[in-house]
C-alpha atoms as a PDB file:
ATOM      1  CA  MET A   1       2.889 -41.059 -11.970  1.00  0.00           C
ATOM      2  CA  ALA A   2       0.319 -38.750  -9.790  1.00  0.00           C
ATOM      3  CA  ARG A   3      -1.180 -35.860 -10.916  1.00  0.00           C
ATOM      4  CA  ASP A   4      -0.560 -32.226  -8.807  1.00  0.00           C
ATOM      5  CA  PRO A   5      -3.479 -31.438  -6.920  1.00  0.00           C
ATOM      6  CA  TYR A   6      -2.908 -27.523  -7.129  1.00  0.00           C
ATOM      7  CA  ARG A   7      -2.962 -27.788 -11.068  1.00  0.00           C
ATOM      8  CA  ARG A   8      -6.033 -29.665 -11.271  1.00  0.00           C
ATOM      9  CA  GLN A   9      -7.355 -27.012  -8.992  1.00  0.00           C
ATOM     10  CA  MET A  10      -6.681 -23.829 -10.769  1.00  0.00           C
ATOM     11  CA  ARG A  11      -7.904 -25.600 -13.669  1.00  0.00           C
ATOM     12  CA  ARG A  12     -11.380 -26.110 -12.316  1.00  0.00           C
ATOM     13  CA  ALA A  13     -11.104 -22.183 -11.106  1.00  0.00           C
ATOM     14  CA  ARG A  14     -10.485 -21.421 -14.704  1.00  0.00           C
ATOM     15  CA  ARG A  15     -13.072 -23.308 -16.069  1.00  0.00           C
ATOM     16  CA  ALA A  16     -15.499 -21.597 -13.105  1.00  0.00           C
ATOM     17  CA  MET A  17     -14.332 -18.165 -14.099  1.00  0.00           C
ATOM     18  CA  ARG A  18     -15.019 -18.540 -17.846  1.00  0.00           C
ATOM     19  CA  LYS A  19     -18.711 -19.708 -16.753  1.00  0.00           C
ATOM     20  CA  GLY A  20     -19.166 -17.057 -14.336  1.00  0.00           C
ATOM     21  CA  GLU A  21     -19.060 -19.097 -11.420  1.00  0.00           C
ATOM     22  CA  ASN A  22     -17.256 -18.942  -8.142  1.00  0.00           C
ATOM     23  CA  PRO A  23     -14.186 -20.071  -9.367  1.00  0.00           C
ATOM     24  CA  TYR A  24     -12.849 -20.644  -5.430  1.00  0.00           C
ATOM     25  CA  SER A  25     -13.999 -23.564  -3.704  1.00  0.00           C
ATOM     26  CA  VAL A  26     -16.181 -23.256  -0.136  1.00  0.00           C
ATOM     27  CA  MET A  27     -14.036 -24.744   3.127  1.00  0.00           C
ATOM     28  CA  ILE A  28     -16.054 -27.551   4.791  1.00  0.00           C
ATOM     29  CA  VAL A  29     -15.442 -27.961   7.797  1.00  0.00           C
ATOM     30  CA  GLY A  30     -15.605 -31.379   9.358  1.00  0.00           C
ATOM     31  CA  PRO A  31     -16.479 -32.279  13.017  1.00  0.00           C
ATOM     32  CA  ASP A  32     -12.789 -33.546  13.658  1.00  0.00           C
ATOM     33  CA  GLU A  33     -10.965 -30.033  12.954  1.00  0.00           C
ATOM     34  CA  PRO A  34      -9.662 -28.575  15.889  1.00  0.00           C
ATOM     35  CA  PHE A  35     -11.239 -24.748  16.492  1.00  0.00           C
ATOM     36  CA  THR A  36      -8.012 -23.045  16.370  1.00  0.00           C
ATOM     37  CA  PHE A  37      -7.665 -23.995  12.851  1.00  0.00           C
ATOM     38  CA  ILE A  38     -10.856 -23.020  11.900  1.00  0.00           C
ATOM     39  CA  ALA A  39     -10.410 -20.008  13.152  1.00  0.00           C
ATOM     40  CA  LEU A  40      -7.247 -19.390  11.789  1.00  0.00           C
ATOM     41  CA  ALA A  41      -7.914 -20.032   8.156  1.00  0.00           C
ATOM     42  CA  ALA A  42     -11.073 -17.503   9.005  1.00  0.00           C
ATOM     43  CA  ILE A  43      -8.737 -14.814   9.467  1.00  0.00           C
ATOM     44  CA  SER A  44      -6.296 -15.532   7.559  1.00  0.00           C
ATOM     45  CA  THR A  45      -8.693 -15.960   4.543  1.00  0.00           C
ATOM     46  CA  TRP A  46     -10.668 -12.330   5.719  1.00  0.00           C
ATOM     47  CA  ALA A  47      -7.607 -10.787   6.093  1.00  0.00           C
ATOM     48  CA  PHE A  48      -6.141 -12.386   2.545  1.00  0.00           C
ATOM     49  CA  ARG A  49      -9.403 -10.269   1.237  1.00  0.00           C
ATOM     50  CA  HIS A  50      -8.690  -6.910   2.682  1.00  0.00           C
ATOM     51  CA  ARG A  51      -4.813  -6.539   2.452  1.00  0.00           C
ATOM     52  CA  SER A  52      -4.985  -3.035   0.799  1.00  0.00           C
ATOM     53  CA  ALA A  53      -6.393  -1.836   4.005  1.00  0.00           C
ATOM     54  CA  PHE A  54      -3.427  -3.400   5.635  1.00  0.00           C
ATOM     55  CA  ALA A  55      -0.735  -0.760   3.849  1.00  0.00           C
ATOM     56  CA  PRO A  56      -0.786   2.170   6.325  1.00  0.00           C
ATOM     57  CA  PHE A  57       0.524   0.006   9.264  1.00  0.00           C
ATOM     58  CA  ILE A  58       2.798  -2.202   6.357  1.00  0.00           C
ATOM     59  CA  ILE A  59       4.672   1.263   5.815  1.00  0.00           C
ATOM     60  CA  THR A  60       4.783   1.814   9.433  1.00  0.00           C
ATOM     61  CA  LEU A  61       6.293  -1.321  10.194  1.00  0.00           C
ATOM     62  CA  ALA A  62       8.904  -0.904   7.251  1.00  0.00           C
ATOM     63  CA  ALA A  63       9.865   2.328   8.217  1.00  0.00           C
ATOM     64  CA  PHE A  64      10.477   1.794  11.803  1.00  0.00           C
ATOM     65  CA  ILE A  65      12.493  -1.650  11.184  1.00  0.00           C
ATOM     66  CA  THR A  66      14.405   1.163   8.572  1.00  0.00           C
ATOM     67  CA  ALA A  67      15.221   3.639  11.790  1.00  0.00           C
ATOM     68  CA  ALA A  68      16.006   0.896  13.412  1.00  0.00           C
ATOM     69  CA  ILE A  69      18.603  -0.509  11.365  1.00  0.00           C
ATOM     70  CA  THR A  70      20.094   3.200  10.325  1.00  0.00           C
ATOM     71  CA  HIS A  71      19.880   4.437  13.176  1.00  0.00           C
ATOM     72  CA  THR A  72      22.030   1.830  14.990  1.00  0.00           C
ATOM     73  CA  HIS A  73      24.763   2.094  12.343  1.00  0.00           C
ATOM     74  CA  HIS A  74      24.689   5.638  10.037  1.00  0.00           C
ATOM     75  CA  ALA A  75      22.813   7.237  12.801  1.00  0.00           C
ATOM     76  CA  ARG A  76      23.731  10.998  10.766  1.00  0.00           C
ATOM     77  CA  TRP A  77      22.336   9.600   8.116  1.00  0.00           C
ATOM     78  CA  TRP A  78      19.108  11.683   9.145  1.00  0.00           C
ATOM     79  CA  ILE A  79      20.365  14.745   7.594  1.00  0.00           C
ATOM     80  CA  PRO A  80      20.033  13.014   4.094  1.00  0.00           C
ATOM     81  CA  VAL A  81      16.710  12.022   4.137  1.00  0.00           C
ATOM     82  CA  SER A  82      15.456  14.959   5.517  1.00  0.00           C
ATOM     83  CA  CYS A  83      16.516  16.628   2.798  1.00  0.00           C
ATOM     84  CA  ALA A  84      15.481  14.367   0.241  1.00  0.00           C
ATOM     85  CA  THR A  85      12.081  14.216   2.228  1.00  0.00           C
ATOM     86  CA  VAL A  86      11.820  18.358   1.668  1.00  0.00           C
ATOM     87  CA  LEU A  87      12.636  17.646  -2.053  1.00  0.00           C
ATOM     88  CA  LEU A  88       9.791  15.566  -2.594  1.00  0.00           C
ATOM     89  CA  THR A  89       7.150  17.528  -0.744  1.00  0.00           C
ATOM     90  CA  ILE A  90       8.226  20.841  -2.496  1.00  0.00           C
ATOM     91  CA  LEU A  91       7.890  18.516  -5.779  1.00  0.00           C
ATOM     92  CA  LEU A  92       4.499  17.110  -4.796  1.00  0.00           C
ATOM     93  CA  GLY A  93       3.266  20.280  -3.308  1.00  0.00           C
ATOM     94  CA  ILE A  94       4.159  22.724  -6.391  1.00  0.00           C
ATOM     95  CA  PRO A  95       1.007  23.729  -7.969  1.00  0.00           C
ATOM     96  CA  HIS A  96       0.741  22.038 -11.655  1.00  0.00           C
ATOM     97  CA  ARG A  97      -0.343  25.513 -12.699  1.00  0.00           C
ATOM     98  CA  LEU A  98       2.740  27.365 -11.780  1.00  0.00           C
ATOM     99  CA  LEU A  99       4.826  24.842 -13.107  1.00  0.00           C
ATOM    100  CA  TRP A 100       3.467  24.850 -17.274  1.00  0.00           C
ATOM    101  CA  ALA A 101       4.079  28.923 -17.092  1.00  0.00           C
ATOM    102  CA  ARG A 102       7.765  28.726 -17.328  1.00  0.00           C
ATOM    103  CA  PRO A 103       9.765  26.690 -19.847  1.00  0.00           C
ATOM    104  CA  ALA A 104      12.052  24.695 -17.714  1.00  0.00           C
ATOM    105  CA  GLY A 105       8.300  23.898 -15.852  1.00  0.00           C
ATOM    106  CA  GLN A 106       6.998  22.847 -18.242  1.00  0.00           C
ATOM    107  CA  PHE A 107       9.792  20.172 -18.905  1.00  0.00           C
ATOM    108  CA  THR A 108       9.226  19.047 -14.448  1.00  0.00           C
ATOM    109  CA  ALA A 109       5.874  19.143 -15.616  1.00  0.00           C
ATOM    110  CA  GLY A 110       5.319  16.653 -18.186  1.00  0.00           C
ATOM    111  CA  ILE A 111       7.789  14.510 -15.888  1.00  0.00           C
ATOM    112  CA  LEU A 112       6.156  14.269 -13.082  1.00  0.00           C
ATOM    113  CA  VAL A 113       2.873  14.081 -15.408  1.00  0.00           C
ATOM    114  CA  ARG A 114       3.861  11.057 -16.689  1.00  0.00           C
ATOM    115  CA  MET A 115       5.330   9.929 -13.264  1.00  0.00           C
ATOM    116  CA  TRP A 116       1.497   9.939 -11.674  1.00  0.00           C
ATOM    117  CA  GLU A 117      -0.128   8.573 -13.937  1.00  0.00           C
ATOM    118  CA  ALA A 118       1.768   5.749 -14.464  1.00  0.00           C
ATOM    119  CA  CYS A 119       0.622   5.695 -10.754  1.00  0.00           C
ATOM    120  CA  GLY A 120      -2.327   5.980 -11.484  1.00  0.00           C
ATOM    121  CA  ILE A 121      -2.736   9.222  -9.587  1.00  0.00           C
ATOM    122  CA  ASP A 122      -4.153  11.993 -11.628  1.00  0.00           C
ATOM    123  CA  ARG A 123      -6.090  13.926  -8.979  1.00  0.00           C
ATOM    124  CA  ALA A 124      -5.065  16.746  -7.257  1.00  0.00           C
ATOM    125  CA  ILE A 125      -6.539  15.887  -3.977  1.00  0.00           C
ATOM    126  CA  GLU A 126      -4.657  12.379  -4.998  1.00  0.00           C
ATOM    127  CA  ARG A 127      -1.390  14.527  -5.269  1.00  0.00           C
ATOM    128  CA  ALA A 128      -1.894  16.144  -1.768  1.00  0.00           C
ATOM    129  CA  TYR A 129      -2.409  13.464   0.033  1.00  0.00           C
ATOM    130  CA  ALA A 130       0.529  11.107  -1.491  1.00  0.00           C
ATOM    131  CA  GLY A 131       2.757  14.506  -0.619  1.00  0.00           C
ATOM    132  CA  THR A 132       0.990  14.696   3.421  1.00  0.00           C
ATOM    133  CA  VAL A 133       2.125  10.725   3.531  1.00  0.00           C
ATOM    134  CA  ILE A 134       5.518  11.442   2.389  1.00  0.00           C
ATOM    135  CA  ALA A 135       6.077  14.625   4.416  1.00  0.00           C
ATOM    136  CA  VAL A 136       4.879  12.904   7.572  1.00  0.00           C
ATOM    137  CA  ALA A 137       6.957   9.458   6.732  1.00  0.00           C
ATOM    138  CA  GLY A 138      10.129  11.459   6.272  1.00  0.00           C
ATOM    139  CA  GLY A 139       9.732  13.518   8.794  1.00  0.00           C
ATOM    140  CA  TRP A 140       9.023  10.602  11.116  1.00  0.00           C
ATOM    141  CA  LEU A 141      11.692   8.288   9.428  1.00  0.00           C
ATOM    142  CA  SER A 142      14.587  11.498  10.194  1.00  0.00           C
ATOM    143  CA  ALA A 143      13.309  11.721  13.753  1.00  0.00           C
ATOM    144  CA  ALA A 144      13.798   8.334  14.137  1.00  0.00           C
ATOM    145  CA  ILE A 145      17.184   8.035  12.312  1.00  0.00           C
ATOM    146  CA  ALA A 146      18.542  10.559  14.768  1.00  0.00           C
ATOM    147  CA  ILE A 147      17.720   9.717  17.971  1.00  0.00           C
ATOM    148  CA  GLY A 148      16.129   5.921  17.715  1.00  0.00           C
ATOM    149  CA  PRO A 149      13.033   4.482  16.676  1.00  0.00           C
ATOM    150  CA  ALA A 150      11.807   3.180  20.368  1.00  0.00           C
ATOM    151  CA  VAL A 151      12.678   6.772  22.083  1.00  0.00           C
ATOM    152  CA  LYS A 152       9.521   7.363  23.844  1.00  0.00           C
ATOM    153  CA  PRO A 153       7.084  10.011  21.594  1.00  0.00           C
ATOM    154  CA  LEU A 154       8.093   7.909  18.283  1.00  0.00           C
ATOM    155  CA  PRO A 155       6.141   4.977  18.540  1.00  0.00           C
ATOM    156  CA  LEU A 156       2.451   6.665  19.385  1.00  0.00           C
ATOM    157  CA  ILE A 157       3.141   9.496  16.854  1.00  0.00           C
ATOM    158  CA  ALA A 158       3.777   6.392  14.197  1.00  0.00           C
ATOM    159  CA  LEU A 159       1.001   4.969  15.499  1.00  0.00           C
ATOM    160  CA  ILE A 160      -1.282   8.265  15.210  1.00  0.00           C
ATOM    161  CA  GLY A 161       0.126   9.001  12.059  1.00  0.00           C
ATOM    162  CA  SER A 162      -0.778   5.623  10.918  1.00  0.00           C
ATOM    163  CA  VAL A 163      -4.279   5.915  11.458  1.00  0.00           C
ATOM    164  CA  VAL A 164      -4.543   9.539  10.738  1.00  0.00           C
ATOM    165  CA  LEU A 165      -3.310   9.402   7.407  1.00  0.00           C
ATOM    166  CA  GLY A 166      -4.801   5.756   7.075  1.00  0.00           C
ATOM    167  CA  ILE A 167      -8.706   6.855   7.105  1.00  0.00           C
ATOM    168  CA  PRO A 168      -8.646   8.630   2.974  1.00  0.00           C
ATOM    169  CA  TRP A 169      -6.610   5.637   1.787  1.00  0.00           C
ATOM    170  CA  TRP A 170      -9.579   3.371   3.982  1.00  0.00           C
ATOM    171  CA  PHE A 171     -12.425   5.326   2.077  1.00  0.00           C
ATOM    172  CA  HIS A 172     -11.089   6.053  -1.015  1.00  0.00           C
ATOM    173  CA  ARG A 173     -13.153   4.493  -3.832  1.00  0.00           C
ATOM    174  CA  ARG A 174     -10.492   3.030  -6.017  1.00  0.00           C
ATOM    175  CA  ARG A 175      -9.500   0.837  -3.123  1.00  0.00           C
ATOM    176  CA  ARG A 176     -12.282   0.209  -2.274  1.00  0.00           C
ATOM    177  CA  GLN A 177     -13.135  -0.852  -5.915  1.00  0.00           C
ATOM    178  CA  GLY A 178     -10.207  -2.882  -6.427  1.00  0.00           C
ATOM    179  CA  ALA A 179     -10.467  -4.545  -3.371  1.00  0.00           C
ATOM    180  CA  ARG A 180     -14.248  -5.474  -4.271  1.00  0.00           C
ATOM    181  CA  GLY A 181     -13.829  -5.767  -7.866  1.00  0.00           C
ATOM    182  CA  THR A 182     -11.065  -7.505  -8.618  1.00  0.00           C
ATOM    183  CA  HIS A 183     -12.582 -10.780  -9.001  1.00  0.00           C
ATOM    184  CA  ARG A 184     -14.543  -9.125 -11.323  1.00  0.00           C
ATOM    185  CA  GLY A 185     -12.157  -7.996 -13.447  1.00  0.00           C
ATOM    186  CA  GLN A 186     -10.551 -11.511 -13.393  1.00  0.00           C
ATOM    187  CA  LEU A 187     -14.457 -12.602 -15.138  1.00  0.00           C
ATOM    188  CA  ALA A 188     -14.246  -9.820 -17.237  1.00  0.00           C
ATOM    189  CA  ARG A 189     -10.927 -10.645 -18.149  1.00  0.00           C
ATOM    190  CA  TYR A 190     -11.730 -14.102 -19.214  1.00  0.00           C
ATOM    191  CA  ARG A 191     -14.962 -14.015 -20.860  1.00  0.00           C
ATOM    192  CA  ARG A 192     -13.651 -11.804 -24.099  1.00  0.00           C
END
């Protein structure tokens, strides 16, 4: 019975991580390899390493697909989508100081604080950014459901919104640290 090469490689990677070495083997390019495969391997490795940077474009693509499907079957759903967007934006935009002042607000603030801590968002500027993203994405989604996502200004608005709202995401310290520190976190886990 032949051994599985994937299991063997993963065993080597775990041993290398325990020793503090690089767990991934180096790609060796032979002279008979086509250039397109080499370029595709390099591009896919780069894209996998920086996959968190593509999140704004993935969210835009998901909103575009959702709007295209919903517009063809349920064009009047733009009303509940816009109401939910306004409600979420108001909930995220209320300062916590105002919520803690009243007993009913304390219950709501406690739920919101637990929800944000579970998501890893604990600063006010991060909550403001999340609220802005929800407001813009929900507004675009409502308009795209109502009139169709391919109508002339909407694709350009989606692209500009993705780039403009993606800038804080790309330069945020936690995302960059997570993209850089994935390997270091694995090393620390195996050194215990």
